[in-house]
Protein backbone atom coordinates (compact mmCIF):
# COMPACT_ATOMS: atom_id res chain seq x y z
CA MET A 1 -6.37 -25.37 21.03
CA HIS A 2 -2.82 -24.38 22.21
CA SER A 3 -1.16 -27.24 20.32
CA PHE A 4 -3.06 -26.12 17.17
CA ASN A 5 -1.76 -22.51 17.70
CA MET A 6 1.82 -23.85 17.95
CA ALA A 7 1.46 -25.95 14.79
CA TRP A 8 0.22 -23.20 12.47
CA LEU A 9 2.39 -20.64 13.91
CA GLY A 10 5.35 -22.71 13.50
CA GLU A 11 4.47 -23.34 9.85
CA CYS A 12 4.07 -19.69 9.25
CA ARG A 13 7.45 -19.09 10.85
CA ARG A 14 8.99 -21.60 8.50
CA LEU A 15 7.55 -19.68 5.46
CA LEU A 16 8.34 -16.16 6.51
CA LYS A 17 11.25 -14.32 5.30
CA PRO A 18 13.76 -13.45 8.29
CA ASN A 19 12.53 -9.90 8.34
CA GLY A 20 8.89 -10.96 7.71
CA THR A 21 6.00 -10.15 10.18
CA LEU A 22 2.74 -11.84 11.10
CA TRP A 23 -0.59 -10.44 12.36
CA VAL A 24 -3.14 -12.31 14.51
CA THR A 25 -6.61 -11.13 15.54
CA GLY A 26 -8.39 -12.70 18.47
CA THR A 27 -10.42 -12.45 21.47
CA ALA A 28 -10.04 -13.61 24.98
CA HIS A 29 -10.81 -17.31 24.34
CA ASN A 30 -7.66 -17.67 22.07
CA ILE A 31 -5.45 -14.56 21.91
CA TYR A 32 -3.39 -15.36 25.11
CA SER A 33 -2.58 -18.86 23.77
CA VAL A 34 -1.59 -17.16 20.40
CA GLY A 35 0.86 -14.74 22.44
CA TYR A 36 2.38 -17.40 24.38
CA ALA A 37 3.00 -19.62 21.33
CA LEU A 38 4.60 -16.71 19.43
CA GLN A 39 6.96 -16.15 22.27
CA THR A 40 7.70 -19.83 22.58
CA LEU A 41 8.51 -20.25 18.91
CA GLY A 42 10.80 -17.32 18.96
CA TYR A 43 8.86 -14.55 17.45
CA LYS A 44 9.45 -10.95 18.38
CA ILE A 45 6.05 -9.23 19.32
CA LEU A 46 6.09 -5.81 18.13
CA ASN A 47 2.68 -4.55 19.15
CA ASP A 48 -0.52 -5.60 20.65
CA ILE A 49 -3.17 -3.41 19.11
CA ALA A 50 -6.73 -3.00 20.44
CA TRP A 51 -9.24 -2.65 17.66
CA TYR A 52 -12.16 -0.71 19.01
CA LYS A 53 -15.18 -1.77 17.02
CA VAL A 54 -17.17 1.40 16.61
CA ASN A 55 -20.97 0.48 17.03
CA PRO A 56 -20.42 -3.07 18.10
CA PRO A 57 -23.32 -5.63 18.26
CA PRO A 58 -25.41 -5.17 21.43
CA ASN A 59 -24.91 -7.63 24.42
CA LEU A 60 -28.31 -9.35 24.31
CA SER A 61 -27.77 -11.42 27.46
CA CYS A 62 -26.91 -8.41 29.58
CA ARG A 63 -24.74 -10.71 31.80
CA TYR A 64 -21.34 -9.08 30.92
CA PHE A 65 -19.89 -6.06 29.27
CA THR A 66 -20.51 -5.59 25.49
CA HIS A 67 -17.57 -6.88 23.51
CA ALA A 68 -16.21 -3.92 21.76
CA THR A 69 -12.62 -4.70 21.32
CA GLU A 70 -10.39 -7.31 19.70
CA THR A 71 -6.66 -7.78 20.19
CA ILE A 72 -4.37 -7.71 17.12
CA LEU A 73 -0.75 -9.07 17.74
CA TRP A 74 1.93 -7.99 15.41
CA ALA A 75 5.05 -10.07 15.48
CA ARG A 76 8.34 -10.43 13.64
CA ARG A 77 9.86 -13.79 12.63
CA GLU A 78 13.22 -13.03 14.16
CA GLN A 79 14.22 -11.29 17.33
CA LYS A 80 16.76 -9.04 15.57
CA ALA A 81 15.82 -8.09 11.98
CA ARG A 82 14.88 -4.96 9.98
CA HIS A 83 11.12 -5.40 9.24
CA THR A 84 8.90 -3.18 7.06
CA PHE A 85 6.97 -0.53 8.86
CA ASN A 86 5.62 2.27 6.62
CA TYR A 87 5.66 4.80 9.50
CA GLU A 88 5.07 7.86 7.24
CA GLU A 89 2.01 6.41 5.69
CA MET A 90 0.51 5.47 9.02
CA LYS A 91 1.35 9.12 10.22
CA ARG A 92 -0.52 10.62 7.20
CA GLU A 93 -3.45 8.39 7.70
CA ASN A 94 -3.66 9.68 11.25
CA LYS A 95 -3.64 13.33 10.25
CA GLY A 96 0.11 13.93 10.68
CA LYS A 97 0.23 12.25 14.15
CA GLN A 98 2.03 9.07 15.30
CA MET A 99 -0.42 6.30 15.00
CA GLN A 100 -1.20 4.59 18.19
CA SER A 101 -2.04 1.10 19.20
CA LEU A 102 -5.79 1.89 19.75
CA TRP A 103 -7.60 1.70 16.48
CA HIS A 104 -11.18 2.93 15.92
CA ILE A 105 -12.58 0.99 12.93
CA LYS A 106 -16.17 0.16 12.13
CA PRO A 107 -17.23 -3.42 11.76
CA PRO A 108 -17.72 -4.47 8.09
CA ALA A 109 -20.11 -2.43 6.26
CA PRO A 110 -23.26 -3.94 4.56
CA ARG A 111 -21.66 -3.66 1.16
CA GLU A 112 -18.68 -5.84 2.38
CA LYS A 113 -21.13 -8.59 3.40
CA ARG A 114 -23.03 -8.69 0.16
CA TYR A 115 -21.35 -12.04 -0.85
CA THR A 116 -21.92 -13.76 2.55
CA LYS A 117 -22.09 -13.17 6.29
CA HIS A 118 -19.01 -14.77 7.72
CA PRO A 119 -19.06 -15.04 11.62
CA THR A 120 -15.66 -13.42 11.92
CA GLN A 121 -15.46 -11.29 8.86
CA LYS A 122 -13.06 -8.36 9.46
CA PRO A 123 -13.61 -4.95 7.85
CA GLU A 124 -11.74 -4.07 4.63
CA ALA A 125 -10.46 -0.88 6.33
CA LEU A 126 -8.67 -2.98 9.10
CA LEU A 127 -6.90 -5.24 6.65
CA GLU A 128 -5.96 -2.26 4.32
CA ARG A 129 -4.29 -0.61 7.38
CA ILE A 130 -2.42 -3.81 8.41
CA ILE A 131 -1.26 -4.51 4.90
CA THR A 132 -0.21 -0.83 4.13
CA ALA A 133 1.61 -0.58 7.44
CA SER A 134 3.73 -3.70 7.09
CA SER A 135 4.26 -4.44 3.38
CA ASN A 136 5.13 -2.77 0.05
CA ALA A 137 3.51 -3.09 -3.46
CA GLY A 138 4.42 -6.40 -5.02
CA ASP A 139 5.08 -8.20 -1.64
CA LEU A 140 3.47 -11.60 -0.96
CA VAL A 141 0.88 -11.90 1.65
CA LEU A 142 -0.35 -15.20 3.06
CA ASP A 143 -3.62 -15.76 4.84
CA PRO A 144 -3.88 -19.35 6.27
CA PHE A 145 -7.47 -18.70 7.33
CA CYS A 146 -8.87 -16.98 4.36
CA GLY A 147 -12.47 -17.06 5.34
CA SER A 148 -14.51 -14.83 3.01
CA GLY A 149 -11.42 -13.27 1.46
CA THR A 150 -11.08 -9.84 3.07
CA THR A 151 -7.34 -10.15 3.02
CA GLY A 152 -7.27 -10.89 -0.70
CA VAL A 153 -9.47 -8.05 -1.43
CA ALA A 154 -7.34 -5.65 0.39
CA CYS A 155 -4.24 -7.09 -1.35
CA ALA A 156 -5.75 -6.67 -4.74
CA ARG A 157 -6.70 -3.04 -3.86
CA LEU A 158 -3.05 -2.32 -2.63
CA ARG A 159 -1.30 -4.14 -5.42
CA ARG A 160 0.13 -7.07 -3.23
CA ARG A 161 0.40 -10.51 -4.33
CA PHE A 162 -1.78 -12.87 -2.35
CA VAL A 163 -1.98 -16.59 -1.21
CA GLY A 164 -5.00 -17.83 0.94
CA PHE A 165 -5.93 -21.19 2.42
CA GLU A 166 -9.51 -22.16 3.43
CA LEU A 167 -10.90 -25.64 4.39
CA ASP A 168 -14.60 -24.62 3.92
CA GLU A 169 -15.33 -25.02 0.14
CA ASN A 170 -18.36 -22.65 0.30
CA TYR A 171 -16.25 -19.83 1.78
CA LEU A 172 -13.43 -20.72 -0.53
CA THR A 173 -15.74 -20.18 -3.48
CA ILE A 174 -16.97 -16.98 -2.15
CA ALA A 175 -13.57 -15.57 -1.33
CA SER A 176 -12.38 -16.44 -4.82
CA LYS A 177 -15.31 -14.61 -6.45
CA ARG A 178 -14.75 -11.62 -4.24
CA ILE A 179 -11.19 -11.28 -4.93
CA GLU A 180 -11.67 -11.73 -8.65
CA ASP A 181 -14.39 -9.06 -8.66
CA GLU A 182 -11.95 -6.66 -6.93
CA ILE A 183 -9.23 -7.50 -9.46
CA VAL A 184 -11.61 -6.69 -12.31
CA LEU A 185 -12.68 -3.51 -10.60
CA GLN A 186 -8.96 -2.31 -9.96
CA GLN A 187 -8.12 -3.09 -13.61
CA THR A 188 -11.06 -1.09 -14.86
CA ARG A 189 -10.03 1.79 -12.73
CA LEU A 190 -6.57 1.52 -14.12
CA ASP A 191 -7.61 1.34 -17.75
CA TYR A 192 -9.83 4.40 -17.24
CA THR A 193 -6.91 6.42 -15.61
CA HIS A 194 -4.63 5.52 -18.55
CA LYS A 195 -7.26 6.54 -21.14
CA LEU A 196 -7.75 9.77 -19.29
CA LYS A 197 -4.01 10.52 -19.24
CA GLU A 198 -3.80 9.80 -22.92
CA SER A 199 -6.78 12.17 -23.69
CA GLU A 200 -5.19 14.94 -21.62
CA GLN A 201 -1.88 14.41 -23.47
CA ARG A 202 -3.66 14.64 -26.82
CA GLU A 203 -5.40 17.81 -25.77
CA GLN A 204 -2.15 19.34 -24.70
CA ILE A 205 -0.47 18.48 -28.14
CA ASP A 206 -3.52 19.73 -30.12
CA GLY A 207 -3.33 22.85 -28.02
């Protein structure tokens, strides 16, 4: 597993801009290997974030504590570079206070799973926060493990460009459909907003 982490993180570092950043979510079985690989490859780890899963699935075996958190590592390609961090937007989202590295976000809502039930699907709110924090409109976001397409959905919603890879053809088809539907929805909303503004302008002129 560690050799695989070294390989894909090395490829991501090759593709990232000098000031680009990378996010990896994981649990105990893999995240420590990821952290070690990031440091070995020369990344600068910026934060380790604890995602607290509000209302996590119950522990059916009753042989250990309920898994209620997941670690998210945020790392920059270079040790010294000026990366994007939209501090003020994160502060606004956190009711005017500095956002901490403990995030309370619910698991995916039922509507987010209407296309499929991916075993490691992330909530849209989590990806929206990550993308908003570390990129700007028009930036290019890469997800090398696209899964059901949550990252692509968040990018469509936030006006980021997106590239995703997925080996499983079934999930790739689902992700493509899900992202396309979101793009259509956002375009419909944009068209409606434009029509509403035009209508308001005509009313002002007529008045």
